[in-house]
């Protein structure tokens, strides 16, 4: 009796033929459309290599922080010893916060030796407060490993 009540399940079959036709039509359409469009390019005029262009070397204010001293100058060749208070006064006199060009406000900071972190941060914050843009120079010290025959 139970077998009569059960209806036979019908399996649904999906014909994949039309789907493959549509897929191939789309592929052909996109191939045709992409070959018909021309890329929009602009012709660039590259200068000849024989032309010499002048390079302007920008000089920045320099600050060198050593373990026991500060050196400050208009560039790396004109550094002179200063105290923290003298450094603050010199940077105030330069009126970096009033300069419109950011390149004129850059102060390169080079650290030599083992400087106290607190002193370094205090110095960089002072430069920023007075309108300067501190940039750090890291000096990489190469370690030399000596290998040889033990004597």
Protein backbone atom coordinates (compact mmCIF):
# COMPACT_ATOMS: atom_id res chain seq x y z
CA UNK A 1 0.00 0.00 0.00
CA UNK A 2 2.77 2.34 0.73
CA UNK A 3 4.23 1.72 -2.64
CA UNK A 4 1.03 2.94 -4.30
CA UNK A 5 1.04 6.15 -2.27
CA UNK A 6 4.51 7.01 -3.27
CA UNK A 7 4.78 8.74 -6.52
CA UNK A 8 7.66 8.03 -8.73
CA UNK A 9 10.28 10.73 -8.51
CA UNK A 10 10.98 12.47 -11.71
CA UNK A 11 14.50 13.49 -12.42
CA UNK A 12 15.00 16.88 -14.01
CA UNK A 13 17.40 16.98 -16.90
CA UNK A 14 18.85 20.30 -17.95
CA UNK A 15 19.98 20.58 -21.52
CA UNK A 16 23.37 22.34 -21.56
CA UNK A 17 23.47 22.86 -25.32
CA UNK A 18 21.92 26.37 -25.36
CA UNK A 19 24.21 27.49 -22.54
CA UNK A 20 27.31 26.58 -24.50
CA UNK A 21 25.90 28.41 -27.55
CA UNK A 22 25.39 31.58 -25.50
CA UNK A 23 28.88 31.30 -23.99
CA UNK A 24 30.54 31.03 -27.40
CA UNK A 25 28.46 33.94 -28.75
CA UNK A 26 29.58 36.11 -25.81
CA UNK A 27 33.22 35.17 -26.35
CA UNK A 28 33.00 36.05 -30.05
CA UNK A 29 31.25 39.35 -29.20
CA UNK A 30 33.94 40.41 -26.73
CA UNK A 31 36.75 39.46 -29.12
CA UNK A 32 35.21 41.60 -31.86
CA UNK A 33 34.52 44.56 -29.57
CA UNK A 34 38.03 44.63 -28.11
CA UNK A 35 39.67 44.46 -31.53
CA UNK A 36 37.53 47.35 -32.81
CA UNK A 37 38.48 49.78 -30.04
CA UNK A 38 41.78 51.58 -30.45
CA UNK A 39 43.80 52.38 -27.37
CA UNK A 40 43.99 56.07 -26.62
CA UNK A 41 47.65 56.94 -26.39
CA UNK A 42 49.51 60.19 -26.27
CA UNK A 43 52.74 60.78 -28.11
CA UNK A 44 55.55 61.70 -25.74
CA UNK A 45 58.49 63.82 -26.70
CA UNK A 46 61.51 62.45 -24.91
CA UNK A 47 64.48 64.81 -24.71
CA UNK A 48 67.62 63.71 -26.48
CA UNK A 49 70.35 62.26 -24.31
CA UNK A 50 72.90 64.74 -25.64
CA UNK A 51 71.16 67.60 -23.85
CA UNK A 52 72.73 68.36 -20.50
CA UNK A 53 70.27 69.33 -17.82
CA UNK A 54 71.41 71.37 -14.89
CA UNK A 55 70.93 69.71 -11.57
CA UNK A 56 70.27 72.00 -8.68
CA UNK A 57 71.69 70.67 -5.50
CA UNK A 58 69.51 71.67 -2.59
CA UNK A 59 71.31 72.51 0.63
CA UNK A 60 69.40 71.86 3.84
CA UNK A 61 70.04 72.95 7.39
CA UNK A 62 72.09 70.32 9.18
CA UNK A 63 72.07 69.17 12.79
CA UNK A 64 74.47 66.54 14.05
CA UNK A 65 73.75 64.98 17.43
CA UNK A 66 76.70 63.32 19.13
CA UNK A 67 76.85 61.69 22.55
CA UNK A 68 78.07 64.85 24.28
CA UNK A 69 77.53 67.71 21.79
CA UNK A 70 75.32 69.27 19.13
CA UNK A 71 76.59 70.67 15.84
CA UNK A 72 74.42 72.96 13.71
CA UNK A 73 75.00 74.76 10.43
CA UNK A 74 73.56 75.94 7.13
CA UNK A 75 74.97 72.83 5.45
CA UNK A 76 77.13 69.82 6.30
CA UNK A 77 80.39 71.76 5.75
CA UNK A 78 79.59 74.67 8.10
CA UNK A 79 78.74 72.82 11.31
CA UNK A 80 79.64 74.45 14.63
CA UNK A 81 79.20 73.34 18.22
CA UNK A 82 76.07 74.68 19.97
CA UNK A 83 74.16 74.03 23.18
CA UNK A 84 70.51 73.08 23.17
CA UNK A 85 69.49 76.63 24.09
CA UNK A 86 71.70 78.14 21.36
CA UNK A 87 70.22 75.70 18.84
CA UNK A 88 66.71 76.74 19.81
CA UNK A 89 67.62 80.43 19.49
CA UNK A 90 69.27 79.91 16.06
CA UNK A 91 66.26 78.04 14.69
CA UNK A 92 63.93 80.75 16.06
CA UNK A 93 66.03 83.40 14.27
CA UNK A 94 65.64 81.52 10.98
CA UNK A 95 61.81 81.84 11.25
CA UNK A 96 61.21 78.51 9.55
CA UNK A 97 57.48 78.62 10.25
CA UNK A 98 57.13 81.72 8.05
CA UNK A 99 58.80 80.18 4.98
CA UNK A 100 56.38 79.05 2.29
CA UNK A 101 58.74 76.63 0.54
CA UNK A 102 58.96 73.35 2.43
CA UNK A 103 62.49 72.71 1.11
CA UNK A 104 63.70 75.77 3.05
CA UNK A 105 62.18 74.36 6.26
CA UNK A 106 63.96 70.97 6.15
CA UNK A 107 66.49 70.24 8.89
CA UNK A 108 68.53 67.07 8.38
CA UNK A 109 69.33 65.36 11.66
CA UNK A 110 72.26 62.98 11.83
CA UNK A 111 72.87 60.90 14.93
CA UNK A 112 76.40 59.79 15.76
CA UNK A 113 77.10 57.40 18.56
CA UNK A 114 74.70 56.37 21.28
CA UNK A 115 72.51 59.39 21.97
CA UNK A 116 69.91 59.30 24.73
CA UNK A 117 66.49 58.69 23.21
CA UNK A 118 64.83 61.36 25.36
CA UNK A 119 67.33 64.01 24.21
CA UNK A 120 66.84 63.03 20.58
CA UNK A 121 63.04 63.23 20.85
CA UNK A 122 63.24 66.56 22.68
CA UNK A 123 65.45 67.98 19.92
CA UNK A 124 63.23 66.76 17.07
CA UNK A 125 60.10 68.07 18.79
CA UNK A 126 61.75 71.45 19.28
CA UNK A 127 62.58 71.62 15.54
CA UNK A 128 58.98 70.73 14.66
CA UNK A 129 57.55 73.24 17.13
CA UNK A 130 59.61 76.04 15.56
CA UNK A 131 58.34 75.24 12.05
CA UNK A 132 61.13 73.00 10.82
CA UNK A 133 60.67 69.68 9.10
CA UNK A 134 63.13 67.24 10.71
CA UNK A 135 64.49 64.49 8.47
CA UNK A 136 66.68 61.74 9.81
CA UNK A 137 69.89 60.46 8.30
CA UNK A 138 70.87 57.00 9.37
CA UNK A 139 74.50 56.10 9.18
CA UNK A 140 75.01 52.43 8.50
CA UNK A 141 78.11 51.06 10.13
CA UNK A 142 79.28 47.91 8.46
CA UNK A 143 80.53 45.20 10.75
CA UNK A 144 83.69 43.57 9.52
CA UNK A 145 84.01 39.91 10.19
CA UNK A 146 87.56 38.73 10.13
CA UNK A 147 88.05 35.16 9.14
CA UNK A 148 91.33 33.50 8.88
CA UNK A 149 93.56 30.75 9.98
CA UNK A 150 94.02 30.70 13.76
CA UNK A 151 97.62 31.15 14.77
